[in-house]
């Protein structure tokens, strides 16, 4: 069995964030945020995060194919309907063929962690992305950090 982790940086100090990744043996952080360069990203701004992760031996990539689009996010912010958001997000990922574009063997040769901002995965697209990936990759299980 291989593991796919997910993590949100909000409400975590840099020490907590990097410790969780290291303690769980993460070797590859896959950023699934739409905006990974904004001021609110703090220590997880794309270029800074790639640098910090490199210091602890973890690779960084921005998986844009798994990021939501502005329209889906705006609708969710306006109506708060997570079920509708989930359906729109899943449809988007299927349209993009995002799961099929992942490199073969990605999860057998690396310990991947999907990164987003939400503090918990329950109402975050990283959970939805991890579920879609797990359906396509045999013997892959998710753990939310």
Protein backbone atom coordinates (compact mmCIF):
# COMPACT_ATOMS: atom_id res chain seq x y z
CA UNK A 1 0.00 0.00 0.00
CA UNK A 2 1.23 3.47 -0.91
CA UNK A 3 0.11 6.67 0.75
CA UNK A 4 -0.99 9.97 -0.71
CA UNK A 5 -0.95 12.75 1.86
CA UNK A 6 -2.73 16.09 1.81
CA UNK A 7 -1.97 19.17 3.86
CA UNK A 8 -3.24 22.70 4.27
CA UNK A 9 -0.88 25.39 5.51
CA UNK A 10 -3.42 27.71 7.15
CA UNK A 11 -3.27 27.70 10.96
CA UNK A 12 0.10 25.90 10.87
CA UNK A 13 3.40 27.49 11.69
CA UNK A 14 6.26 26.84 9.30
CA UNK A 15 7.78 24.57 11.96
CA UNK A 16 4.58 22.50 12.22
CA UNK A 17 4.14 22.36 8.44
CA UNK A 18 7.67 21.21 7.59
CA UNK A 19 7.78 18.85 10.57
CA UNK A 20 4.58 17.12 9.42
CA UNK A 21 6.00 16.62 5.94
CA UNK A 22 9.31 15.26 7.20
CA UNK A 23 7.82 13.04 9.92
CA UNK A 24 5.57 11.40 7.35
CA UNK A 25 8.34 10.82 4.83
CA UNK A 26 6.97 13.12 2.14
CA UNK A 27 9.35 13.38 -0.82
CA UNK A 28 7.20 15.43 -3.21
CA UNK A 29 4.79 18.31 -2.56
CA UNK A 30 2.20 18.83 -5.29
CA UNK A 31 0.67 22.29 -4.97
CA UNK A 32 -2.97 22.20 -6.13
CA UNK A 33 -3.80 25.85 -5.39
CA UNK A 34 -5.04 28.19 -8.07
CA UNK A 35 -3.08 31.10 -6.60
CA UNK A 36 0.20 30.10 -5.05
CA UNK A 37 1.92 33.48 -5.17
CA UNK A 38 -0.45 35.74 -3.23
CA UNK A 39 0.47 37.69 -0.15
CA UNK A 40 -1.67 35.43 2.04
CA UNK A 41 0.44 32.41 1.06
CA UNK A 42 3.14 33.53 3.53
CA UNK A 43 5.91 30.93 3.74
CA UNK A 44 4.16 28.85 1.05
CA UNK A 45 4.57 31.26 -1.86
CA UNK A 46 5.63 29.06 -4.77
CA UNK A 47 9.26 30.16 -5.16
CA UNK A 48 9.87 30.42 -1.42
CA UNK A 49 8.23 27.07 -0.75
CA UNK A 50 10.28 25.35 -3.45
CA UNK A 51 13.42 26.76 -1.81
CA UNK A 52 12.44 25.76 1.73
CA UNK A 53 11.36 22.27 0.68
CA UNK A 54 14.64 21.81 -1.18
CA UNK A 55 16.52 22.48 2.04
CA UNK A 56 14.85 19.42 3.60
CA UNK A 57 15.11 17.23 0.50
CA UNK A 58 11.52 17.52 -0.73
CA UNK A 59 10.64 18.29 -4.35
CA UNK A 60 7.99 20.86 -5.28
CA UNK A 61 5.65 21.08 -8.27
CA UNK A 62 2.58 23.14 -9.04
CA UNK A 63 -0.08 20.76 -10.37
CA UNK A 64 -2.21 23.37 -12.16
CA UNK A 65 -4.44 20.67 -13.66
CA UNK A 66 -5.81 20.01 -10.15
CA UNK A 67 -6.40 23.67 -9.25
CA UNK A 68 -9.99 24.94 -9.37
CA UNK A 69 -10.90 27.80 -11.67
CA UNK A 70 -11.97 31.26 -10.50
CA UNK A 71 -15.60 30.78 -11.56
CA UNK A 72 -16.03 27.64 -9.46
CA UNK A 73 -14.42 29.29 -6.44
CA UNK A 74 -16.52 32.44 -6.85
CA UNK A 75 -19.75 30.42 -7.00
CA UNK A 76 -18.78 28.51 -3.87
CA UNK A 77 -17.91 31.69 -1.99
CA UNK A 78 -21.24 33.21 -3.04
CA UNK A 79 -23.54 30.32 -2.15
CA UNK A 80 -21.48 28.19 0.28
CA UNK A 81 -22.80 25.02 -1.36
CA UNK A 82 -19.93 22.55 -1.03
CA UNK A 83 -21.84 19.76 -2.78
CA UNK A 84 -22.32 21.92 -5.88
CA UNK A 85 -18.67 23.01 -5.67
CA UNK A 86 -17.59 19.37 -5.41
CA UNK A 87 -19.59 18.39 -8.49
CA UNK A 88 -18.19 21.31 -10.52
CA UNK A 89 -14.64 20.57 -9.38
CA UNK A 90 -14.87 16.85 -10.21
CA UNK A 91 -16.28 17.68 -13.63
CA UNK A 92 -13.40 20.09 -14.25
CA UNK A 93 -10.78 17.49 -13.31
CA UNK A 94 -12.41 14.91 -15.60
CA UNK A 95 -12.55 17.46 -18.47
CA UNK A 96 -8.87 18.24 -17.97
CA UNK A 97 -7.94 14.53 -17.86
CA UNK A 98 -5.80 15.58 -14.89
CA UNK A 99 -5.49 12.15 -13.29
CA UNK A 100 -4.54 10.50 -16.59
CA UNK A 101 -1.76 13.05 -17.10
CA UNK A 102 0.07 12.04 -13.93
CA UNK A 103 3.37 10.26 -14.62
CA UNK A 104 3.22 6.47 -14.46
CA UNK A 105 4.63 5.16 -11.20
CA UNK A 106 4.38 8.57 -9.53
CA UNK A 107 2.96 7.16 -6.31
CA UNK A 108 5.11 4.05 -6.14
CA UNK A 109 8.40 5.93 -6.45
CA UNK A 110 7.53 9.00 -4.36
CA UNK A 111 5.58 9.91 -1.27
CA UNK A 112 3.37 12.71 -2.54
CA UNK A 113 1.49 15.32 -0.52
CA UNK A 114 -1.16 17.54 -2.11
CA UNK A 115 -0.94 21.10 -0.80
CA UNK A 116 -3.71 23.64 -0.43
CA UNK A 117 -4.51 26.39 2.03
CA UNK A 118 -7.55 25.08 3.94
CA UNK A 119 -6.62 23.95 7.47
CA UNK A 120 -8.65 20.73 7.16
CA UNK A 121 -9.46 18.57 4.15
CA UNK A 122 -13.17 18.05 4.77
CA UNK A 123 -14.32 21.05 2.67
CA UNK A 124 -11.28 21.45 0.44
CA UNK A 125 -10.67 20.48 -3.16
CA UNK A 126 -7.46 18.68 -2.17
CA UNK A 127 -9.65 15.98 -0.60
CA UNK A 128 -11.66 15.72 -3.80
CA UNK A 129 -8.47 15.53 -5.88
CA UNK A 130 -7.02 12.84 -3.61
CA UNK A 131 -10.21 10.78 -3.92
CA UNK A 132 -10.10 10.98 -7.72
CA UNK A 133 -6.44 9.99 -7.77
CA UNK A 134 -7.03 7.05 -5.41
CA UNK A 135 -9.81 5.71 -7.63
CA UNK A 136 -7.34 5.56 -10.51
CA UNK A 137 -4.24 4.30 -8.70
CA UNK A 138 -4.43 0.79 -7.21
CA UNK A 139 -3.44 0.33 -3.56
CA UNK A 140 -3.15 4.07 -2.91
CA UNK A 141 -4.66 5.41 0.30
CA UNK A 142 -5.05 8.96 1.54
CA UNK A 143 -3.96 10.48 4.83
CA UNK A 144 -4.81 14.08 5.62
CA UNK A 145 -2.21 15.90 7.71
